[in-house]
Amino acid sequence: MKKVINEFKKFAMRGNVVDLAVGVVIGTAFGKITNSLVNDIIMPPIGAITGGVDFSKLFLIVKDTVGDSPAVVINYGSFINTVLDFLIIAFAIFMVVKIVNNLKREEAEKPSDPTEKNCVYCLSKIPIQATRCAYCTSDIKK
């Protein structure tokens, strides 16, 4: 049993698992923020523009209540809110990925320090640290 616990500790403390856990927690919080943005900030003005319609309460009754059986309802207003949530989250993730990719591209494009120079006498390529040309054997001043 102790071996299993030690293996689990190693697994749980690996970078990928911790990164994933942090991502899930942040993603959950971001989802709540986005949900509030859609329901509390974006949809009320849209509802006011459309005549005071609360999209979360829009539905279509497919079948009325009969006896003890509940009504069959399509909640398309709630679906509209969920689609808006998704679009905002997808756009935010797209922007984050775009920024990260641009930063990685900038790092990759940085020129590295030169490793060679030209001999001033014969113009052959020689290592930057060379004090004598391997081709013409001239002394190279630093």
C-alpha atoms as a PDB file:
ATOM      1  CA  MET A   1       0.000   0.000   0.000  1.00  0.00           C
ATOM      2  CA  LYS A   2       2.873   2.345   0.824  1.00  0.00           C
ATOM      3  CA  LYS A   3       4.309   1.808  -2.658  1.00  0.00           C
ATOM      4  CA  VAL A   4       1.007   2.845  -4.247  1.00  0.00           C
ATOM      5  CA  ILE A   5       0.894   5.992  -2.097  1.00  0.00           C
ATOM      6  CA  ASN A   6       4.479   6.891  -3.071  1.00  0.00           C
ATOM      7  CA  GLU A   7       3.706   6.331  -6.753  1.00  0.00           C
ATOM      8  CA  PHE A   8       0.614   8.507  -6.425  1.00  0.00           C
ATOM      9  CA  LYS A   9       2.679  11.283  -4.792  1.00  0.00           C
ATOM     10  CA  LYS A  10       5.168  11.164  -7.664  1.00  0.00           C
ATOM     11  CA  PHE A  11       2.323  11.218 -10.184  1.00  0.00           C
ATOM     12  CA  ALA A  12       0.459  14.075  -8.480  1.00  0.00           C
ATOM     13  CA  MET A  13       3.560  16.242  -8.120  1.00  0.00           C
ATOM     14  CA  ARG A  14       4.659  15.969 -11.734  1.00  0.00           C
ATOM     15  CA  GLY A  15       4.463  19.282 -13.548  1.00  0.00           C
ATOM     16  CA  ASN A  16       1.778  18.222 -16.019  1.00  0.00           C
ATOM     17  CA  VAL A  17      -0.719  17.120 -13.381  1.00  0.00           C
ATOM     18  CA  VAL A  18      -0.260  20.261 -11.296  1.00  0.00           C
ATOM     19  CA  ASP A  19      -0.537  22.445 -14.417  1.00  0.00           C
ATOM     20  CA  LEU A  20      -3.729  20.627 -15.411  1.00  0.00           C
ATOM     21  CA  ALA A  21      -5.236  21.075 -11.940  1.00  0.00           C
ATOM     22  CA  VAL A  22      -4.445  24.794 -11.959  1.00  0.00           C
ATOM     23  CA  GLY A  23      -5.923  25.088 -15.455  1.00  0.00           C
ATOM     24  CA  VAL A  24      -9.148  23.360 -14.406  1.00  0.00           C
ATOM     25  CA  VAL A  25      -9.560  25.594 -11.345  1.00  0.00           C
ATOM     26  CA  ILE A  26      -8.873  28.773 -13.327  1.00  0.00           C
ATOM     27  CA  GLY A  27     -11.114  27.559 -16.154  1.00  0.00           C
ATOM     28  CA  THR A  28     -13.978  26.928 -13.741  1.00  0.00           C
ATOM     29  CA  ALA A  29     -13.620  30.399 -12.250  1.00  0.00           C
ATOM     30  CA  PHE A  30     -13.370  31.929 -15.724  1.00  0.00           C
ATOM     31  CA  GLY A  31     -16.541  30.082 -16.728  1.00  0.00           C
ATOM     32  CA  LYS A  32     -18.398  31.623 -13.796  1.00  0.00           C
ATOM     33  CA  ILE A  33     -17.132  35.091 -14.741  1.00  0.00           C
ATOM     34  CA  THR A  34     -18.186  34.568 -18.346  1.00  0.00           C
ATOM     35  CA  ASN A  35     -21.595  33.281 -17.289  1.00  0.00           C
ATOM     36  CA  SER A  36     -22.102  36.395 -15.179  1.00  0.00           C
ATOM     37  CA  LEU A  37     -20.890  38.594 -18.043  1.00  0.00           C
ATOM     38  CA  VAL A  38     -23.458  37.085 -20.393  1.00  0.00           C
ATOM     39  CA  ASN A  39     -26.401  36.892 -17.968  1.00  0.00           C
ATOM     40  CA  ASP A  40     -25.829  40.117 -16.017  1.00  0.00           C
ATOM     41  CA  ILE A  41     -24.162  42.508 -18.478  1.00  0.00           C
ATOM     42  CA  ILE A  42     -24.706  41.463 -22.112  1.00  0.00           C
ATOM     43  CA  MET A  43     -28.212  39.987 -22.079  1.00  0.00           C
ATOM     44  CA  PRO A  44     -30.076  42.750 -20.146  1.00  0.00           C
ATOM     45  CA  PRO A  45     -29.297  45.451 -22.768  1.00  0.00           C
ATOM     46  CA  ILE A  46     -30.143  43.003 -25.550  1.00  0.00           C
ATOM     47  CA  GLY A  47     -33.377  42.231 -23.722  1.00  0.00           C
ATOM     48  CA  ALA A  48     -34.106  45.978 -23.422  1.00  0.00           C
ATOM     49  CA  ILE A  49     -33.473  46.453 -27.145  1.00  0.00           C
ATOM     50  CA  THR A  50     -35.808  43.570 -27.962  1.00  0.00           C
ATOM     51  CA  GLY A  51     -38.613  44.951 -25.793  1.00  0.00           C
ATOM     52  CA  GLY A  52     -37.693  43.755 -22.302  1.00  0.00           C
ATOM     53  CA  VAL A  53     -37.298  40.099 -23.223  1.00  0.00           C
ATOM     54  CA  ASP A  54     -35.414  37.985 -20.658  1.00  0.00           C
ATOM     55  CA  PHE A  55     -33.717  35.382 -22.848  1.00  0.00           C
ATOM     56  CA  SER A  56     -33.235  32.938 -19.972  1.00  0.00           C
ATOM     57  CA  LYS A  57     -37.028  32.664 -19.690  1.00  0.00           C
ATOM     58  CA  LEU A  58     -37.769  32.055 -23.369  1.00  0.00           C
ATOM     59  CA  PHE A  59     -39.124  28.592 -24.061  1.00  0.00           C
ATOM     60  CA  LEU A  60     -41.351  26.669 -26.414  1.00  0.00           C
ATOM     61  CA  ILE A  61     -43.978  24.276 -25.052  1.00  0.00           C
ATOM     62  CA  VAL A  62     -43.982  21.096 -27.120  1.00  0.00           C
ATOM     63  CA  LYS A  63     -46.535  19.236 -24.998  1.00  0.00           C
ATOM     64  CA  ASP A  64     -48.671  20.607 -22.156  1.00  0.00           C
ATOM     65  CA  THR A  65     -48.931  19.026 -18.745  1.00  0.00           C
ATOM     66  CA  VAL A  66     -51.272  16.050 -18.755  1.00  0.00           C
ATOM     67  CA  GLY A  67     -52.245  14.684 -15.352  1.00  0.00           C
ATOM     68  CA  ASP A  68     -49.087  13.919 -13.420  1.00  0.00           C
ATOM     69  CA  SER A  69     -46.767  14.019 -16.441  1.00  0.00           C
ATOM     70  CA  PRO A  70     -44.733  17.226 -16.747  1.00  0.00           C
ATOM     71  CA  ALA A  71     -44.822  19.501 -19.768  1.00  0.00           C
ATOM     72  CA  VAL A  72     -42.265  18.993 -22.526  1.00  0.00           C
ATOM     73  CA  VAL A  73     -40.436  22.302 -22.969  1.00  0.00           C
ATOM     74  CA  ILE A  74     -37.601  23.517 -25.201  1.00  0.00           C
ATOM     75  CA  ASN A  75     -35.657  26.227 -23.324  1.00  0.00           C
ATOM     76  CA  TYR A  76     -34.162  28.005 -26.327  1.00  0.00           C
ATOM     77  CA  GLY A  77     -33.493  31.228 -24.356  1.00  0.00           C
ATOM     78  CA  SER A  78     -31.221  29.376 -21.978  1.00  0.00           C
ATOM     79  CA  PHE A  79     -29.558  27.812 -25.016  1.00  0.00           C
ATOM     80  CA  ILE A  80     -28.910  31.291 -26.473  1.00  0.00           C
ATOM     81  CA  ASN A  81     -27.214  32.313 -23.197  1.00  0.00           C
ATOM     82  CA  THR A  82     -25.102  29.147 -23.234  1.00  0.00           C
ATOM     83  CA  VAL A  83     -24.041  29.745 -26.850  1.00  0.00           C
ATOM     84  CA  LEU A  84     -22.992  33.290 -25.934  1.00  0.00           C
ATOM     85  CA  ASP A  85     -21.017  31.896 -22.956  1.00  0.00           C
ATOM     86  CA  PHE A  86     -19.245  29.501 -25.295  1.00  0.00           C
ATOM     87  CA  LEU A  87     -18.456  32.169 -27.884  1.00  0.00           C
ATOM     88  CA  ILE A  88     -16.979  34.509 -25.279  1.00  0.00           C
ATOM     89  CA  ILE A  89     -14.884  31.741 -23.700  1.00  0.00           C
ATOM     90  CA  ALA A  90     -13.717  30.498 -27.111  1.00  0.00           C
ATOM     91  CA  PHE A  91     -12.726  34.035 -28.137  1.00  0.00           C
ATOM     92  CA  ALA A  92     -10.871  34.622 -24.856  1.00  0.00           C
ATOM     93  CA  ILE A  93      -8.967  31.337 -25.211  1.00  0.00           C
ATOM     94  CA  PHE A  94      -8.186  32.176 -28.840  1.00  0.00           C
ATOM     95  CA  MET A  95      -6.721  35.530 -27.776  1.00  0.00           C
ATOM     96  CA  VAL A  96      -4.605  33.937 -25.018  1.00  0.00           C
ATOM     97  CA  VAL A  97      -3.262  31.277 -27.411  1.00  0.00           C
ATOM     98  CA  LYS A  98      -2.561  33.958 -30.025  1.00  0.00           C
ATOM     99  CA  ILE A  99      -0.585  36.044 -27.516  1.00  0.00           C
ATOM    100  CA  VAL A 100       1.395  33.019 -26.296  1.00  0.00           C
ATOM    101  CA  ASN A 101       2.190  31.981 -29.883  1.00  0.00           C
ATOM    102  CA  ASN A 102       3.360  35.513 -30.710  1.00  0.00           C
ATOM    103  CA  LEU A 103       5.636  35.521 -27.655  1.00  0.00           C
ATOM    104  CA  LYS A 104       7.082  32.127 -28.611  1.00  0.00           C
ATOM    105  CA  ARG A 105       7.616  33.313 -32.194  1.00  0.00           C
ATOM    106  CA  GLU A 106       9.458  36.428 -30.971  1.00  0.00           C
ATOM    107  CA  GLU A 107      11.741  34.254 -28.831  1.00  0.00           C
ATOM    108  CA  ALA A 108      12.466  31.949 -31.777  1.00  0.00           C
ATOM    109  CA  GLU A 109      13.223  34.862 -34.114  1.00  0.00           C
ATOM    110  CA  LYS A 110      15.877  36.427 -31.873  1.00  0.00           C
ATOM    111  CA  PRO A 111      19.198  36.146 -33.686  1.00  0.00           C
ATOM    112  CA  SER A 112      21.816  34.114 -31.909  1.00  0.00           C
ATOM    113  CA  ASP A 113      25.296  35.434 -31.286  1.00  0.00           C
ATOM    114  CA  PRO A 114      27.617  34.816 -34.226  1.00  0.00           C
ATOM    115  CA  THR A 115      29.933  31.815 -33.942  1.00  0.00           C
ATOM    116  CA  GLU A 116      32.089  32.644 -36.956  1.00  0.00           C
ATOM    117  CA  LYS A 117      33.873  35.642 -38.418  1.00  0.00           C
ATOM    118  CA  ASN A 118      35.773  36.331 -41.625  1.00  0.00           C
ATOM    119  CA  CYS A 119      39.560  36.322 -41.669  1.00  0.00           C
ATOM    120  CA  VAL A 120      40.624  39.885 -42.488  1.00  0.00           C
ATOM    121  CA  TYR A 121      43.365  38.569 -44.822  1.00  0.00           C
ATOM    122  CA  CYS A 122      41.851  35.677 -46.805  1.00  0.00           C
ATOM    123  CA  LEU A 123      38.136  36.259 -46.000  1.00  0.00           C
ATOM    124  CA  SER A 124      37.625  32.599 -44.992  1.00  0.00           C
ATOM    125  CA  LYS A 125      35.133  31.759 -42.257  1.00  0.00           C
ATOM    126  CA  ILE A 126      36.873  31.025 -38.963  1.00  0.00           C
ATOM    127  CA  PRO A 127      35.610  30.542 -35.387  1.00  0.00           C
ATOM    128  CA  ILE A 128      34.977  33.795 -33.557  1.00  0.00           C
ATOM    129  CA  GLN A 129      37.485  32.851 -30.837  1.00  0.00           C
ATOM    130  CA  ALA A 130      40.299  32.092 -33.327  1.00  0.00           C
ATOM    131  CA  THR A 131      43.565  34.003 -32.979  1.00  0.00           C
ATOM    132  CA  ARG A 132      45.095  32.472 -36.103  1.00  0.00           C
ATOM    133  CA  CYS A 133      43.412  31.711 -39.428  1.00  0.00           C
ATOM    134  CA  ALA A 134      43.292  27.983 -40.201  1.00  0.00           C
ATOM    135  CA  TYR A 135      43.453  28.716 -43.938  1.00  0.00           C
ATOM    136  CA  CYS A 136      46.159  31.367 -44.380  1.00  0.00           C
ATOM    137  CA  THR A 137      47.772  31.031 -40.910  1.00  0.00           C
ATOM    138  CA  SER A 138      47.703  34.795 -40.367  1.00  0.00           C
ATOM    139  CA  ASP A 139      47.530  36.164 -36.829  1.00  0.00           C
ATOM    140  CA  ILE A 140      44.081  37.546 -36.127  1.00  0.00           C
ATOM    141  CA  LYS A 141      43.804  40.532 -33.822  1.00  0.00           C
ATOM    142  CA  LYS A 142      40.823  40.544 -31.490  1.00  0.00           C
END
